N, C-alpha and C. Protein backbone atom coordinates (compact mmCIF):
# COMPACT_ATOMS: atom_id res chain seq x y z
N MET A 1 -3.48 -13.54 -14.64
CA MET A 1 -3.54 -12.20 -15.16
C MET A 1 -4.05 -11.24 -14.12
N GLU A 2 -4.79 -11.70 -13.12
CA GLU A 2 -5.30 -10.79 -12.10
C GLU A 2 -4.16 -10.07 -11.39
N THR A 3 -3.09 -10.80 -11.16
CA THR A 3 -1.93 -10.13 -10.47
C THR A 3 -1.37 -9.00 -11.26
N CYS A 4 -1.31 -9.20 -12.61
CA CYS A 4 -0.81 -8.10 -13.43
C CYS A 4 -1.73 -6.84 -13.31
N THR A 5 -3.02 -7.11 -13.28
CA THR A 5 -4.00 -5.96 -13.10
C THR A 5 -3.80 -5.26 -11.81
N GLU A 6 -3.69 -6.05 -10.78
CA GLU A 6 -3.45 -5.47 -9.46
C GLU A 6 -2.14 -4.67 -9.41
N LEU A 7 -1.10 -5.14 -9.99
CA LEU A 7 0.17 -4.42 -9.99
C LEU A 7 0.08 -3.13 -10.77
N TYR A 8 -0.65 -3.21 -11.91
CA TYR A 8 -0.81 -2.00 -12.73
C TYR A 8 -1.62 -0.95 -11.97
N PHE A 9 -2.70 -1.40 -11.28
CA PHE A 9 -3.48 -0.46 -10.47
C PHE A 9 -2.60 0.15 -9.36
N LEU A 10 -1.89 -0.66 -8.66
CA LEU A 10 -1.08 -0.17 -7.57
C LEU A 10 0.02 0.82 -8.00
N SER A 11 0.63 0.51 -9.13
CA SER A 11 1.63 1.38 -9.74
C SER A 11 0.98 2.75 -10.15
N THR A 12 -0.11 2.69 -10.77
CA THR A 12 -0.87 3.89 -11.18
C THR A 12 -1.26 4.72 -9.97
N LEU A 13 -1.73 4.07 -8.92
CA LEU A 13 -2.13 4.75 -7.71
C LEU A 13 -0.93 5.45 -7.11
N ALA A 14 0.21 4.72 -7.02
CA ALA A 14 1.40 5.30 -6.37
C ALA A 14 1.87 6.52 -7.18
N CYS A 15 1.82 6.44 -8.47
CA CYS A 15 2.23 7.59 -9.30
C CYS A 15 1.32 8.83 -9.07
N GLN A 16 0.03 8.55 -8.99
CA GLN A 16 -0.92 9.64 -8.80
C GLN A 16 -0.76 10.23 -7.38
N LEU A 17 -0.58 9.47 -6.39
CA LEU A 17 -0.32 9.95 -5.04
C LEU A 17 0.94 10.76 -4.95
N PHE A 18 1.95 10.29 -5.61
CA PHE A 18 3.26 10.96 -5.61
C PHE A 18 3.17 12.38 -6.26
N GLN A 19 2.30 12.46 -7.27
CA GLN A 19 2.13 13.74 -7.96
C GLN A 19 1.34 14.76 -7.19
N CYS A 20 0.46 14.32 -6.27
CA CYS A 20 -0.40 15.29 -5.61
C CYS A 20 -0.17 15.46 -4.14
N MET A 21 0.82 14.74 -3.53
CA MET A 21 1.07 14.84 -2.12
C MET A 21 2.42 15.36 -1.86
N GLU A 22 2.56 15.98 -0.70
CA GLU A 22 3.85 16.45 -0.28
C GLU A 22 4.74 15.26 0.25
N GLU A 23 5.98 15.44 0.25
CA GLU A 23 6.91 14.32 0.71
C GLU A 23 6.62 13.80 2.05
N ASP A 24 6.35 14.70 3.04
CA ASP A 24 6.13 14.31 4.37
C ASP A 24 4.78 13.51 4.44
N GLU A 25 3.79 13.90 3.64
CA GLU A 25 2.52 13.16 3.63
C GLU A 25 2.73 11.76 3.03
N ILE A 26 3.57 11.63 2.02
CA ILE A 26 3.86 10.33 1.42
C ILE A 26 4.54 9.47 2.41
N GLU A 27 5.50 10.00 3.24
CA GLU A 27 6.15 9.23 4.22
C GLU A 27 5.27 8.71 5.25
N ILE A 28 4.32 9.53 5.72
CA ILE A 28 3.33 9.12 6.67
C ILE A 28 2.39 8.01 6.08
N LEU A 29 1.93 8.25 4.96
CA LEU A 29 1.03 7.25 4.27
C LEU A 29 1.76 5.92 4.11
N ALA A 30 3.02 5.99 3.61
CA ALA A 30 3.81 4.75 3.40
C ALA A 30 3.95 3.99 4.70
N SER A 31 4.26 4.71 5.77
CA SER A 31 4.43 4.12 7.13
C SER A 31 3.10 3.48 7.56
N ASN A 32 2.05 4.17 7.42
CA ASN A 32 0.73 3.62 7.89
C ASN A 32 0.29 2.46 7.04
N LEU A 33 0.58 2.41 5.75
CA LEU A 33 0.13 1.31 4.92
C LEU A 33 1.06 0.13 5.27
N LEU A 34 2.36 0.33 5.57
CA LEU A 34 3.21 -0.78 5.98
C LEU A 34 2.72 -1.39 7.30
N LEU A 35 2.38 -0.55 8.20
CA LEU A 35 1.78 -0.99 9.47
C LEU A 35 0.49 -1.77 9.24
N LEU A 36 -0.38 -1.30 8.39
CA LEU A 36 -1.65 -2.01 8.07
C LEU A 36 -1.24 -3.39 7.47
N SER A 37 -0.29 -3.44 6.59
CA SER A 37 0.07 -4.67 5.96
C SER A 37 0.58 -5.69 7.01
N HIS A 38 1.37 -5.24 8.01
CA HIS A 38 1.83 -6.13 9.07
C HIS A 38 0.65 -6.61 9.91
N MET A 39 -0.25 -5.69 10.29
CA MET A 39 -1.40 -6.13 11.08
C MET A 39 -2.22 -7.15 10.34
N LEU A 40 -2.53 -7.00 9.12
CA LEU A 40 -3.35 -7.93 8.34
C LEU A 40 -2.61 -9.29 8.24
N GLU A 41 -1.30 -9.25 8.01
CA GLU A 41 -0.54 -10.48 7.95
C GLU A 41 -0.63 -11.27 9.25
N ARG A 42 -0.49 -10.53 10.38
CA ARG A 42 -0.59 -11.18 11.70
C ARG A 42 -1.99 -11.75 11.93
N MET A 43 -3.00 -11.07 11.49
CA MET A 43 -4.39 -11.53 11.61
C MET A 43 -4.58 -12.82 10.85
N LEU A 44 -4.03 -12.85 9.64
CA LEU A 44 -4.13 -14.04 8.82
C LEU A 44 -3.41 -15.22 9.41
N VAL A 45 -2.25 -15.00 9.95
CA VAL A 45 -1.44 -16.04 10.56
C VAL A 45 -2.17 -16.54 11.80
N GLY A 46 -2.73 -15.58 12.60
CA GLY A 46 -3.42 -16.00 13.84
C GLY A 46 -4.70 -16.71 13.59
N SER A 47 -5.34 -16.59 12.38
CA SER A 47 -6.62 -17.19 12.19
C SER A 47 -6.54 -18.57 11.70
N HIS A 48 -5.29 -19.08 11.47
CA HIS A 48 -5.10 -20.51 10.98
C HIS A 48 -4.60 -21.41 12.09
């Protein structure tokens, strides 16, 4: 059930950000979060 809670939280957060940010700001944030995701994934792979 924790996964459902996390998905609900992320969905709610995305909707809130979409409502209060400009399109160019959302694009920059999305790009930065994707980059962060890739960096964290690489760190996890490198630590094993």
